[in-house]
C-alpha atoms as a PDB file:
ATOM      1  CA  UNK A   1      -0.141   0.046  -0.195  1.00  0.00           C
ATOM      2  CA  UNK A   2       1.428   3.509  -0.629  1.00  0.00           C
ATOM      3  CA  UNK A   3       0.491   6.755   0.797  1.00  0.00           C
ATOM      4  CA  UNK A   4       1.574   9.932   0.265  1.00  0.00           C
ATOM      5  CA  UNK A   5       0.847  13.683   2.037  1.00  0.00           C
ATOM      6  CA  UNK A   6      -1.367  15.575  -0.197  1.00  0.00           C
ATOM      7  CA  UNK A   7      -2.971  17.778   2.634  1.00  0.00           C
ATOM      8  CA  UNK A   8      -2.109  19.094   5.594  1.00  0.00           C
ATOM      9  CA  UNK A   9      -3.180  21.939   7.968  1.00  0.00           C
ATOM     10  CA  UNK A  10      -1.345  23.081  11.620  1.00  0.00           C
ATOM     11  CA  UNK A  11      -5.029  23.005  14.978  1.00  0.00           C
ATOM     12  CA  UNK A  12      -3.940  23.915  17.877  1.00  0.00           C
ATOM     13  CA  UNK A  13      -7.077  22.524  20.525  1.00  0.00           C
ATOM     14  CA  UNK A  14      -7.035  22.607  24.572  1.00  0.00           C
ATOM     15  CA  UNK A  15      -7.996  19.193  25.764  1.00  0.00           C
ATOM     16  CA  UNK A  16     -11.890  17.860  25.627  1.00  0.00           C
ATOM     17  CA  UNK A  17     -12.279  20.701  22.490  1.00  0.00           C
ATOM     18  CA  UNK A  18     -12.843  19.716  18.789  1.00  0.00           C
ATOM     19  CA  UNK A  19     -12.907  21.868  15.654  1.00  0.00           C
ATOM     20  CA  UNK A  20     -13.989  21.503  12.095  1.00  0.00           C
ATOM     21  CA  UNK A  21     -11.699  20.903   9.433  1.00  0.00           C
ATOM     22  CA  UNK A  22     -11.681  21.694   6.352  1.00  0.00           C
ATOM     23  CA  UNK A  23      -8.906  20.244   3.819  1.00  0.00           C
ATOM     24  CA  UNK A  24      -9.551  20.323  -0.185  1.00  0.00           C
ATOM     25  CA  UNK A  25      -7.592  17.196  -1.952  1.00  0.00           C
ATOM     26  CA  UNK A  26      -6.959  18.623  -5.434  1.00  0.00           C
ATOM     27  CA  UNK A  27      -7.563  15.698  -8.131  1.00  0.00           C
ATOM     28  CA  UNK A  28      -3.618  15.961  -9.525  1.00  0.00           C
ATOM     29  CA  UNK A  29      -2.914  14.503  -5.963  1.00  0.00           C
ATOM     30  CA  UNK A  30      -5.320  11.054  -6.608  1.00  0.00           C
ATOM     31  CA  UNK A  31      -3.033  11.301 -10.318  1.00  0.00           C
ATOM     32  CA  UNK A  32      -0.466   9.463 -11.826  1.00  0.00           C
ATOM     33  CA  UNK A  33       1.611  10.384 -14.706  1.00  0.00           C
ATOM     34  CA  UNK A  34       1.422   8.081 -17.764  1.00  0.00           C
ATOM     35  CA  UNK A  35       4.333   7.683 -18.952  1.00  0.00           C
ATOM     36  CA  UNK A  36       2.323   6.286 -22.640  1.00  0.00           C
ATOM     37  CA  UNK A  37       0.124   9.253 -22.542  1.00  0.00           C
ATOM     38  CA  UNK A  38       2.883  12.386 -21.012  1.00  0.00           C
ATOM     39  CA  UNK A  39       0.003  13.156 -18.975  1.00  0.00           C
ATOM     40  CA  UNK A  40      -1.344  13.280 -15.385  1.00  0.00           C
ATOM     41  CA  UNK A  41      -4.477  10.312 -15.410  1.00  0.00           C
ATOM     42  CA  UNK A  42      -6.947  10.476 -12.715  1.00  0.00           C
ATOM     43  CA  UNK A  43      -7.105   7.264 -11.043  1.00  0.00           C
ATOM     44  CA  UNK A  44     -10.468   5.180 -10.372  1.00  0.00           C
ATOM     45  CA  UNK A  45     -11.212   2.622  -7.303  1.00  0.00           C
ATOM     46  CA  UNK A  46     -11.753   3.077  -3.858  1.00  0.00           C
ATOM     47  CA  UNK A  47      -9.064   5.211  -1.158  1.00  0.00           C
ATOM     48  CA  UNK A  48      -8.564   5.473   2.023  1.00  0.00           C
ATOM     49  CA  UNK A  49      -8.360   8.829   3.657  1.00  0.00           C
ATOM     50  CA  UNK A  50      -6.563   9.016   7.030  1.00  0.00           C
ATOM     51  CA  UNK A  51      -6.099  12.004   9.430  1.00  0.00           C
ATOM     52  CA  UNK A  52      -4.024  12.525  13.030  1.00  0.00           C
ATOM     53  CA  UNK A  53      -1.621  14.382  15.229  1.00  0.00           C
ATOM     54  CA  UNK A  54       1.228  12.338  13.125  1.00  0.00           C
ATOM     55  CA  UNK A  55       2.112  10.171  10.107  1.00  0.00           C
ATOM     56  CA  UNK A  56       2.361   7.591  13.059  1.00  0.00           C
ATOM     57  CA  UNK A  57      -1.065   8.075  14.657  1.00  0.00           C
ATOM     58  CA  UNK A  58      -3.895   8.199  12.037  1.00  0.00           C
ATOM     59  CA  UNK A  59      -6.846   6.906  13.892  1.00  0.00           C
ATOM     60  CA  UNK A  60      -9.026   8.581  11.647  1.00  0.00           C
ATOM     61  CA  UNK A  61     -10.193   7.057   8.343  1.00  0.00           C
ATOM     62  CA  UNK A  62     -13.046   7.677   5.717  1.00  0.00           C
ATOM     63  CA  UNK A  63     -13.047   5.536   2.343  1.00  0.00           C
ATOM     64  CA  UNK A  64     -13.803   7.429  -0.933  1.00  0.00           C
ATOM     65  CA  UNK A  65     -14.659   6.194  -3.998  1.00  0.00           C
ATOM     66  CA  UNK A  66     -13.144   7.552  -7.296  1.00  0.00           C
ATOM     67  CA  UNK A  67     -14.838   7.476 -10.276  1.00  0.00           C
END
């Protein structure tokens, strides 16, 4: 499984505090380079998006489907 960081925001919270954070993931971030077509190609299928306070602590996740 390959993962990459495509967006982040630094948020400071006090214990027990919560906040909604909106992040935008561009289509290019979900694309791969096609050597034969010499262009970026948006992948299809299921992807899992993770969130947490570091790359080694990602307790939140959601599954999205690209069509």
